[in-house]
Amino acid sequence: MQQVTRVTIALPSDLWENIKHAVPAGKRSGLVVQALENELRRRKRAVLFENLRKHQKIMFDKYGELPESATEIEQMRQERDDEQSSLH
């Protein structure tokens, strides 16, 4: 069983009223847990995305504009197909 820590949080009154009307009493903590987990995942993705953007800029500054990988893959497939057809 997962260890639980009780905390006290302050919510705007209207938000709390909406929660009380929409979520049964035994399910409110679960709603808060789910919302916090979702927000933490979103923030982690935002950090990872920003790191990716920084890396892309470094790569662009170093190598300039590169062809799209889909184009390169298509060319490689075409070369492979050409080689295979010439073997027959």
PDB file of N, CA and C in Angstrom:
ATOM      1  N   MET A   1       0.835  -1.180   0.000  1.00  0.00           N
ATOM      2  CA  MET A   1       0.000   0.000   0.000  1.00  0.00           C
ATOM      3  C   MET A   1       0.880   1.244   0.000  1.00  0.00           C
ATOM      4  N   GLN A   2       0.490   2.237  -0.730  1.00  0.00           N
ATOM      5  CA  GLN A   2       1.262   3.458  -0.854  1.00  0.00           C
ATOM      6  C   GLN A   2       1.109   4.311   0.408  1.00  0.00           C
ATOM      7  N   GLN A   3       2.229   4.861   0.872  1.00  0.00           N
ATOM      8  CA  GLN A   3       2.188   5.722   2.050  1.00  0.00           C
ATOM      9  C   GLN A   3       1.481   7.030   1.699  1.00  0.00           C
ATOM     10  N   VAL A   4       0.695   7.541   2.613  1.00  0.00           N
ATOM     11  CA  VAL A   4      -0.089   8.752   2.395  1.00  0.00           C
ATOM     12  C   VAL A   4       0.336   9.806   3.398  1.00  0.00           C
ATOM     13  N   THR A   5       0.446  11.042   2.928  1.00  0.00           N
ATOM     14  CA  THR A   5       0.742  12.174   3.793  1.00  0.00           C
ATOM     15  C   THR A   5      -0.422  13.147   3.720  1.00  0.00           C
ATOM     16  N   ARG A   6      -0.920  13.542   4.860  1.00  0.00           N
ATOM     17  CA  ARG A   6      -2.011  14.515   4.896  1.00  0.00           C
ATOM     18  C   ARG A   6      -1.412  15.919   4.800  1.00  0.00           C
ATOM     19  N   VAL A   7      -2.040  16.759   3.975  1.00  0.00           N
ATOM     20  CA  VAL A   7      -1.605  18.145   3.824  1.00  0.00           C
ATOM     21  C   VAL A   7      -2.830  19.056   3.884  1.00  0.00           C
ATOM     22  N   THR A   8      -2.573  20.290   4.165  1.00  0.00           N
ATOM     23  CA  THR A   8      -3.632  21.284   4.138  1.00  0.00           C
ATOM     24  C   THR A   8      -3.345  22.223   2.978  1.00  0.00           C
ATOM     25  N   ILE A   9      -4.341  22.436   2.128  1.00  0.00           N
ATOM     26  CA  ILE A   9      -4.174  23.353   1.003  1.00  0.00           C
ATOM     27  C   ILE A   9      -5.304  24.377   1.042  1.00  0.00           C
ATOM     28  N   ALA A  10      -5.047  25.525   0.470  1.00  0.00           N
ATOM     29  CA  ALA A  10      -6.065  26.573   0.391  1.00  0.00           C
ATOM     30  C   ALA A  10      -6.567  26.643  -1.040  1.00  0.00           C
ATOM     31  N   LEU A  11      -7.881  26.607  -1.201  1.00  0.00           N
ATOM     32  CA  LEU A  11      -8.509  26.684  -2.516  1.00  0.00           C
ATOM     33  C   LEU A  11      -9.459  27.871  -2.538  1.00  0.00           C
ATOM     34  N   PRO A  12      -9.644  28.463  -3.705  1.00  0.00           N
ATOM     35  CA  PRO A  12     -10.678  29.491  -3.812  1.00  0.00           C
ATOM     36  C   PRO A  12     -12.043  28.889  -3.453  1.00  0.00           C
ATOM     37  N   SER A  13     -12.857  29.660  -2.763  1.00  0.00           N
ATOM     38  CA  SER A  13     -14.154  29.158  -2.283  1.00  0.00           C
ATOM     39  C   SER A  13     -15.029  28.625  -3.402  1.00  0.00           C
ATOM     40  N   ASP A  14     -15.084  29.342  -4.526  1.00  0.00           N
ATOM     41  CA  ASP A  14     -15.952  28.888  -5.613  1.00  0.00           C
ATOM     42  C   ASP A  14     -15.445  27.585  -6.226  1.00  0.00           C
ATOM     43  N   LEU A  15     -14.146  27.401  -6.287  1.00  0.00           N
ATOM     44  CA  LEU A  15     -13.597  26.137  -6.785  1.00  0.00           C
ATOM     45  C   LEU A  15     -13.989  25.000  -5.852  1.00  0.00           C
ATOM     46  N   TRP A  16     -13.848  25.213  -4.551  1.00  0.00           N
ATOM     47  CA  TRP A  16     -14.206  24.179  -3.588  1.00  0.00           C
ATOM     48  C   TRP A  16     -15.683  23.825  -3.679  1.00  0.00           C
ATOM     49  N   GLU A  17     -16.531  24.823  -3.843  1.00  0.00           N
ATOM     50  CA  GLU A  17     -17.967  24.552  -3.976  1.00  0.00           C
ATOM     51  C   GLU A  17     -18.245  23.721  -5.226  1.00  0.00           C
ATOM     52  N   ASN A  18     -17.593  24.048  -6.311  1.00  0.00           N
ATOM     53  CA  ASN A  18     -17.761  23.264  -7.543  1.00  0.00           C
ATOM     54  C   ASN A  18     -17.303  21.820  -7.343  1.00  0.00           C
ATOM     55  N   ILE A  19     -16.195  21.645  -6.644  1.00  0.00           N
ATOM     56  CA  ILE A  19     -15.685  20.295  -6.376  1.00  0.00           C
ATOM     57  C   ILE A  19     -16.685  19.532  -5.508  1.00  0.00           C
ATOM     58  N   LYS A  20     -17.185  20.162  -4.467  1.00  0.00           N
ATOM     59  CA  LYS A  20     -18.142  19.487  -3.578  1.00  0.00           C
ATOM     60  C   LYS A  20     -19.387  19.036  -4.328  1.00  0.00           C
ATOM     61  N   HIS A  21     -19.846  19.835  -5.278  1.00  0.00           N
ATOM     62  CA  HIS A  21     -21.051  19.478  -6.025  1.00  0.00           C
ATOM     63  C   HIS A  21     -20.780  18.428  -7.117  1.00  0.00           C
ATOM     64  N   ALA A  22     -19.567  18.398  -7.622  1.00  0.00           N
ATOM     65  CA  ALA A  22     -19.269  17.514  -8.753  1.00  0.00           C
ATOM     66  C   ALA A  22     -18.644  16.186  -8.344  1.00  0.00           C
ATOM     67  N   VAL A  23     -17.991  16.146  -7.177  1.00  0.00           N
ATOM     68  CA  VAL A  23     -17.222  14.951  -6.798  1.00  0.00           C
ATOM     69  C   VAL A  23     -17.714  14.454  -5.440  1.00  0.00           C
ATOM     70  N   PRO A  24     -18.037  13.173  -5.337  1.00  0.00           N
ATOM     71  CA  PRO A  24     -18.474  12.616  -4.045  1.00  0.00           C
ATOM     72  C   PRO A  24     -17.386  12.766  -2.978  1.00  0.00           C
ATOM     73  N   ALA A  25     -17.795  12.833  -1.734  1.00  0.00           N
ATOM     74  CA  ALA A  25     -16.885  13.089  -0.612  1.00  0.00           C
ATOM     75  C   ALA A  25     -15.688  12.135  -0.575  1.00  0.00           C
ATOM     76  N   GLY A  26     -15.869  10.884  -0.842  1.00  0.00           N
ATOM     77  CA  GLY A  26     -14.760   9.926  -0.760  1.00  0.00           C
ATOM     78  C   GLY A  26     -13.814   9.951  -1.947  1.00  0.00           C
ATOM     79  N   LYS A  27     -14.133  10.756  -2.944  1.00  0.00           N
ATOM     80  CA  LYS A  27     -13.345  10.771  -4.178  1.00  0.00           C
ATOM     81  C   LYS A  27     -12.557  12.069  -4.378  1.00  0.00           C
ATOM     82  N   ARG A  28     -12.708  13.029  -3.490  1.00  0.00           N
ATOM     83  CA  ARG A  28     -12.096  14.348  -3.695  1.00  0.00           C
ATOM     84  C   ARG A  28     -10.581  14.315  -3.618  1.00  0.00           C
ATOM     85  N   SER A  29     -10.026  13.563  -2.693  1.00  0.00           N
ATOM     86  CA  SER A  29      -8.561  13.461  -2.604  1.00  0.00           C
ATOM     87  C   SER A  29      -7.996  12.858  -3.887  1.00  0.00           C
ATOM     88  N   GLY A  30      -8.697  11.854  -4.417  1.00  0.00           N
ATOM     89  CA  GLY A  30      -8.251  11.233  -5.669  1.00  0.00           C
ATOM     90  C   GLY A  30      -8.235  12.228  -6.818  1.00  0.00           C
ATOM     91  N   LEU A  31      -9.244  13.105  -6.839  1.00  0.00           N
ATOM     92  CA  LEU A  31      -9.279  14.143  -7.868  1.00  0.00           C
ATOM     93  C   LEU A  31      -8.076  15.065  -7.750  1.00  0.00           C
ATOM     94  N   VAL A  32      -7.758  15.471  -6.534  1.00  0.00           N
ATOM     95  CA  VAL A  32      -6.609  16.366  -6.319  1.00  0.00           C
ATOM     96  C   VAL A  32      -5.318  15.654  -6.702  1.00  0.00           C
ATOM     97  N   VAL A  33      -5.177  14.397  -6.311  1.00  0.00           N
ATOM     98  CA  VAL A  33      -3.985  13.618  -6.659  1.00  0.00           C
ATOM     99  C   VAL A  33      -3.836  13.537  -8.175  1.00  0.00           C
ATOM    100  N   GLN A  34      -4.923  13.207  -8.858  1.00  0.00           N
ATOM    101  CA  GLN A  34      -4.880  13.078 -10.315  1.00  0.00           C
ATOM    102  C   GLN A  34      -4.514  14.409 -10.964  1.00  0.00           C
ATOM    103  N   ALA A  35      -5.112  15.493 -10.491  1.00  0.00           N
ATOM    104  CA  ALA A  35      -4.819  16.813 -11.058  1.00  0.00           C
ATOM    105  C   ALA A  35      -3.358  17.192 -10.846  1.00  0.00           C
ATOM    106  N   LEU A  36      -2.838  16.919  -9.666  1.00  0.00           N
ATOM    107  CA  LEU A  36      -1.438  17.247  -9.384  1.00  0.00           C
ATOM    108  C   LEU A  36      -0.485  16.384 -10.216  1.00  0.00           C
ATOM    109  N   GLU A  37      -0.790  15.099 -10.340  1.00  0.00           N
ATOM    110  CA  GLU A  37       0.048  14.228 -11.167  1.00  0.00           C
ATOM    111  C   GLU A  37       0.052  14.696 -12.623  1.00  0.00           C
ATOM    112  N   ASN A  38      -1.130  15.053 -13.133  1.00  0.00           N
ATOM    113  CA  ASN A  38      -1.213  15.551 -14.511  1.00  0.00           C
ATOM    114  C   ASN A  38      -0.407  16.827 -14.686  1.00  0.00           C
ATOM    115  N   GLU A  39      -0.501  17.728 -13.724  1.00  0.00           N
ATOM    116  CA  GLU A  39       0.241  18.992 -13.814  1.00  0.00           C
ATOM    117  C   GLU A  39       1.743  18.758 -13.749  1.00  0.00           C
ATOM    118  N   LEU A  40       2.178  17.861 -12.884  1.00  0.00           N
ATOM    119  CA  LEU A  40       3.610  17.558 -12.799  1.00  0.00           C
ATOM    120  C   LEU A  40       4.119  16.947 -14.100  1.00  0.00           C
ATOM    121  N   ARG A  41       3.330  16.047 -14.711  1.00  0.00           N
ATOM    122  CA  ARG A  41       3.718  15.473 -16.007  1.00  0.00           C
ATOM    123  C   ARG A  41       3.796  16.560 -17.075  1.00  0.00           C
ATOM    124  N   ARG A  42       2.821  17.471 -17.074  1.00  0.00           N
ATOM    125  CA  ARG A  42       2.806  18.561 -18.054  1.00  0.00           C
ATOM    126  C   ARG A  42       4.046  19.438 -17.899  1.00  0.00           C
ATOM    127  N   ARG A  43       4.393  19.759 -16.665  1.00  0.00           N
ATOM    128  CA  ARG A  43       5.579  20.595 -16.426  1.00  0.00           C
ATOM    129  C   ARG A  43       6.859  19.878 -16.837  1.00  0.00           C
ATOM    130  N   LYS A  44       6.933  18.576 -16.555  1.00  0.00           N
ATOM    131  CA  LYS A  44       8.114  17.806 -16.954  1.00  0.00           C
ATOM    132  C   LYS A  44       8.243  17.796 -18.475  1.00  0.00           C
ATOM    133  N   ARG A  45       7.114  17.575 -19.184  1.00  0.00           N
ATOM    134  CA  ARG A  45       7.140  17.602 -20.652  1.00  0.00           C
ATOM    135  C   ARG A  45       7.553  18.975 -21.170  1.00  0.00           C
ATOM    136  N   ALA A  46       7.095  20.030 -20.504  1.00  0.00           N
ATOM    137  CA  ALA A  46       7.449  21.388 -20.925  1.00  0.00           C
ATOM    138  C   ALA A  46       8.952  21.611 -20.798  1.00  0.00           C
ATOM    139  N   VAL A  47       9.547  21.125 -19.715  1.00  0.00           N
ATOM    140  CA  VAL A  47      11.000  21.246 -19.538  1.00  0.00           C
ATOM    141  C   VAL A  47      11.731  20.444 -20.609  1.00  0.00           C
ATOM    142  N   LEU A  48      11.274  19.218 -20.859  1.00  0.00           N
ATOM    143  CA  LEU A  48      11.906  18.386 -21.880  1.00  0.00           C
ATOM    144  C   LEU A  48      11.775  19.023 -23.261  1.00  0.00           C
ATOM    145  N   PHE A  49      10.614  19.587 -23.549  1.00  0.00           N
ATOM    146  CA  PHE A  49      10.397  20.245 -24.830  1.00  0.00           C
ATOM    147  C   PHE A  49      11.317  21.448 -24.979  1.00  0.00           C
ATOM    148  N   GLU A  50      11.472  22.230 -23.922  1.00  0.00           N
ATOM    149  CA  GLU A  50      12.364  23.392 -23.969  1.00  0.00           C
ATOM    150  C   GLU A  50      13.812  22.947 -24.170  1.00  0.00           C
ATOM    151  N   ASN A  51      14.209  21.872 -23.510  1.00  0.00           N
ATOM    152  CA  ASN A  51      15.565  21.340 -23.708  1.00  0.00           C
ATOM    153  C   ASN A  51      15.764  20.888 -25.149  1.00  0.00           C
ATOM    154  N   LEU A  52      14.740  20.270 -25.727  1.00  0.00           N
ATOM    155  CA  LEU A  52      14.813  19.849 -27.117  1.00  0.00           C
ATOM    156  C   LEU A  52      14.970  21.051 -28.038  1.00  0.00           C
ATOM    157  N   ARG A  53      14.211  22.114 -27.785  1.00  0.00           N
ATOM    158  CA  ARG A  53      14.321  23.337 -28.599  1.00  0.00           C
ATOM    159  C   ARG A  53      15.735  23.919 -28.522  1.00  0.00           C
ATOM    160  N   LYS A  54      16.310  23.920 -27.315  1.00  0.00           N
ATOM    161  CA  LYS A  54      17.676  24.434 -27.156  1.00  0.00           C
ATOM    162  C   LYS A  54      18.653  23.578 -27.952  1.00  0.00           C
ATOM    163  N   HIS A  55      18.476  22.258 -27.866  1.00  0.00           N
ATOM    164  CA  HIS A  55      19.355  21.353 -28.597  1.00  0.00           C
ATOM    165  C   HIS A  55      19.197  21.539 -30.107  1.00  0.00           C
ATOM    166  N   GLN A  56      17.949  21.721 -30.561  1.00  0.00           N
ATOM    167  CA  GLN A  56      17.718  21.956 -31.988  1.00  0.00           C
ATOM    168  C   GLN A  56      18.442  23.215 -32.450  1.00  0.00           C
ATOM    169  N   LYS A  57      18.402  24.257 -31.635  1.00  0.00           N
ATOM    170  CA  LYS A  57      19.083  25.500 -31.996  1.00  0.00           C
ATOM    171  C   LYS A  57      20.584  25.292 -32.079  1.00  0.00           C
ATOM    172  N   ILE A  58      21.140  24.562 -31.130  1.00  0.00           N
ATOM    173  CA  ILE A  58      22.576  24.269 -31.149  1.00  0.00           C
ATOM    174  C   ILE A  58      22.931  23.509 -32.426  1.00  0.00           C
ATOM    175  N   MET A  59      22.120  22.502 -32.759  1.00  0.00           N
ATOM    176  CA  MET A  59      22.382  21.703 -33.963  1.00  0.00           C
ATOM    177  C   MET A  59      22.233  22.555 -35.227  1.00  0.00           C
ATOM    178  N   PHE A  60      21.226  23.429 -35.267  1.00  0.00           N
ATOM    179  CA  PHE A  60      21.039  24.280 -36.428  1.00  0.00           C
ATOM    180  C   PHE A  60      22.218  25.242 -36.572  1.00  0.00           C
ATOM    181  N   ASP A  61      22.647  25.833 -35.457  1.00  0.00           N
ATOM    182  CA  ASP A  61      23.794  26.752 -35.502  1.00  0.00           C
ATOM    183  C   ASP A  61      25.057  26.033 -35.965  1.00  0.00           C
ATOM    184  N   LYS A  62      25.194  24.770 -35.591  1.00  0.00           N
ATOM    185  CA  LYS A  62      26.395  24.008 -35.930  1.00  0.00           C
ATOM    186  C   LYS A  62      26.354  23.465 -37.359  1.00  0.00           C
ATOM    187  N   TYR A  63      25.177  22.951 -37.798  1.00  0.00           N
ATOM    188  CA  TYR A  63      25.095  22.252 -39.075  1.00  0.00           C
ATOM    189  C   TYR A  63      24.231  22.940 -40.119  1.00  0.00           C
ATOM    190  N   GLY A  64      23.463  23.936 -39.718  1.00  0.00           N
ATOM    191  CA  GLY A  64      22.572  24.594 -40.666  1.00  0.00           C
ATOM    192  C   GLY A  64      21.328  23.759 -40.914  1.00  0.00           C
ATOM    193  N   GLU A  65      20.609  24.114 -41.966  1.00  0.00           N
ATOM    194  CA  GLU A  65      19.364  23.411 -42.308  1.00  0.00           C
ATOM    195  C   GLU A  65      19.683  22.011 -42.821  1.00  0.00           C
ATOM    196  N   LEU A  66      19.052  21.017 -42.229  1.00  0.00           N
ATOM    197  CA  LEU A  66      19.255  19.635 -42.645  1.00  0.00           C
ATOM    198  C   LEU A  66      17.994  19.134 -43.340  1.00  0.00           C
ATOM    199  N   PRO A  67      18.135  18.189 -44.249  1.00  0.00           N
ATOM    200  CA  PRO A  67      16.938  17.655 -44.916  1.00  0.00           C
ATOM    201  C   PRO A  67      16.069  16.913 -43.914  1.00  0.00           C
ATOM    202  N   GLU A  68      14.789  16.834 -44.230  1.00  0.00           N
ATOM    203  CA  GLU A  68      13.877  16.097 -43.368  1.00  0.00           C
ATOM    204  C   GLU A  68      14.245  14.618 -43.382  1.00  0.00           C
ATOM    205  N   SER A  69      14.130  13.973 -42.260  1.00  0.00           N
ATOM    206  CA  SER A  69      14.499  12.564 -42.171  1.00  0.00           C
ATOM    207  C   SER A  69      13.605  11.707 -43.055  1.00  0.00           C
ATOM    208  N   ALA A  70      12.344  12.084 -43.220  1.00  0.00           N
ATOM    209  CA  ALA A  70      11.442  11.294 -44.071  1.00  0.00           C
ATOM    210  C   ALA A  70      11.958  11.263 -45.506  1.00  0.00           C
ATOM    211  N   THR A  71      12.478  12.383 -45.982  1.00  0.00           N
ATOM    212  CA  THR A  71      13.032  12.443 -47.334  1.00  0.00           C
ATOM    213  C   THR A  71      14.250  11.533 -47.446  1.00  0.00           C
ATOM    214  N   GLU A  72      15.101  11.582 -46.438  1.00  0.00           N
ATOM    215  CA  GLU A  72      16.302  10.734 -46.443  1.00  0.00           C
ATOM    216  C   GLU A  72      15.923   9.252 -46.414  1.00  0.00           C
ATOM    217  N   ILE A  73      14.957   8.903 -45.613  1.00  0.00           N
ATOM    218  CA  ILE A  73      14.519   7.507 -45.525  1.00  0.00           C
ATOM    219  C   ILE A  73      13.959   7.049 -46.862  1.00  0.00           C
ATOM    220  N   GLU A  74      13.161   7.885 -47.496  1.00  0.00           N
ATOM    221  CA  GLU A  74      12.598   7.544 -48.812  1.00  0.00           C
ATOM    222  C   GLU A  74      13.717   7.327 -49.830  1.00  0.00           C
ATOM    223  N   GLN A  75      14.738   8.172 -49.800  1.00  0.00           N
ATOM    224  CA  GLN A  75      15.866   8.016 -50.722  1.00  0.00           C
ATOM    225  C   GLN A  75      16.612   6.710 -50.456  1.00  0.00           C
ATOM    226  N   MET A  76      16.809   6.387 -49.173  1.00  0.00           N
ATOM    227  CA  MET A  76      17.494   5.141 -48.828  1.00  0.00           C
ATOM    228  C   MET A  76      16.688   3.933 -49.302  1.00  0.00           C
ATOM    229  N   ARG A  77      15.384   3.989 -49.161  1.00  0.00           N
ATOM    230  CA  ARG A  77      14.531   2.883 -49.624  1.00  0.00           C
ATOM    231  C   ARG A  77      14.611   2.742 -51.142  1.00  0.00           C
ATOM    232  N   GLN A  78      14.601   3.869 -51.820  1.00  0.00           N
ATOM    233  CA  GLN A  78      14.683   3.830 -53.279  1.00  0.00           C
ATOM    234  C   GLN A  78      16.016   3.233 -53.729  1.00  0.00           C
ATOM    235  N   GLU A  79      17.109   3.633 -53.073  1.00  0.00           N
ATOM    236  CA  GLU A  79      18.421   3.076 -53.409  1.00  0.00           C
ATOM    237  C   GLU A  79      18.453   1.576 -53.148  1.00  0.00           C
ATOM    238  N   ARG A  80      17.860   1.144 -52.025  1.00  0.00           N
ATOM    239  CA  ARG A  80      17.817  -0.283 -51.709  1.00  0.00           C
ATOM    240  C   ARG A  80      17.008  -1.040 -52.759  1.00  0.00           C
ATOM    241  N   ASP A  81      15.859  -0.486 -53.124  1.00  0.00           N
ATOM    242  CA  ASP A  81      15.017  -1.130 -54.133  1.00  0.00           C
ATOM    243  C   ASP A  81      15.738  -1.208 -55.473  1.00  0.00           C
ATOM    244  N   ASP A  82      16.439  -0.141 -55.848  1.00  0.00           N
ATOM    245  CA  ASP A  82      17.198  -0.139 -57.099  1.00  0.00           C
ATOM    246  C   ASP A  82      18.287  -1.204 -57.075  1.00  0.00           C
ATOM    247  N   GLU A  83      18.989  -1.326 -55.953  1.00  0.00           N
ATOM    248  CA  GLU A  83      20.039  -2.335 -55.833  1.00  0.00           C
ATOM    249  C   GLU A  83      19.455  -3.735 -55.933  1.00  0.00           C
ATOM    250  N   GLN A  84      18.327  -3.958 -55.252  1.00  0.00           N
ATOM    251  CA  GLN A  84      17.719  -5.282 -55.263  1.00  0.00           C
ATOM    252  C   GLN A  84      17.204  -5.634 -56.654  1.00  0.00           C
ATOM    253  N   SER A  85      16.640  -4.670 -57.351  1.00  0.00           N
ATOM    254  CA  SER A  85      16.128  -4.965 -58.684  1.00  0.00           C
ATOM    255  C   SER A  85      17.260  -5.231 -59.679  1.00  0.00           C
ATOM    256  N   SER A  86      18.420  -4.638 -59.453  1.00  0.00           N
ATOM    257  CA  SER A  86      19.539  -4.885 -60.369  1.00  0.00           C
ATOM    258  C   SER A  86      20.175  -6.249 -60.106  1.00  0.00           C
ATOM    259  N   LEU A  87      19.939  -6.851 -58.951  1.00  0.00           N
ATOM    260  CA  LEU A  87      20.480  -8.161 -58.625  1.00  0.00           C
ATOM    261  C   LEU A  87      19.702  -9.284 -59.298  1.00  0.00           C
ATOM    262  N   HIS A  88      18.489  -9.005 -59.709  1.00  0.00           N
ATOM    263  CA  HIS A  88      17.641 -10.044 -60.320  1.00  0.00           C
ATOM    264  C   HIS A  88      17.876 -10.175 -61.767  1.00  0.00           C
TER     265      HIS A  88
END
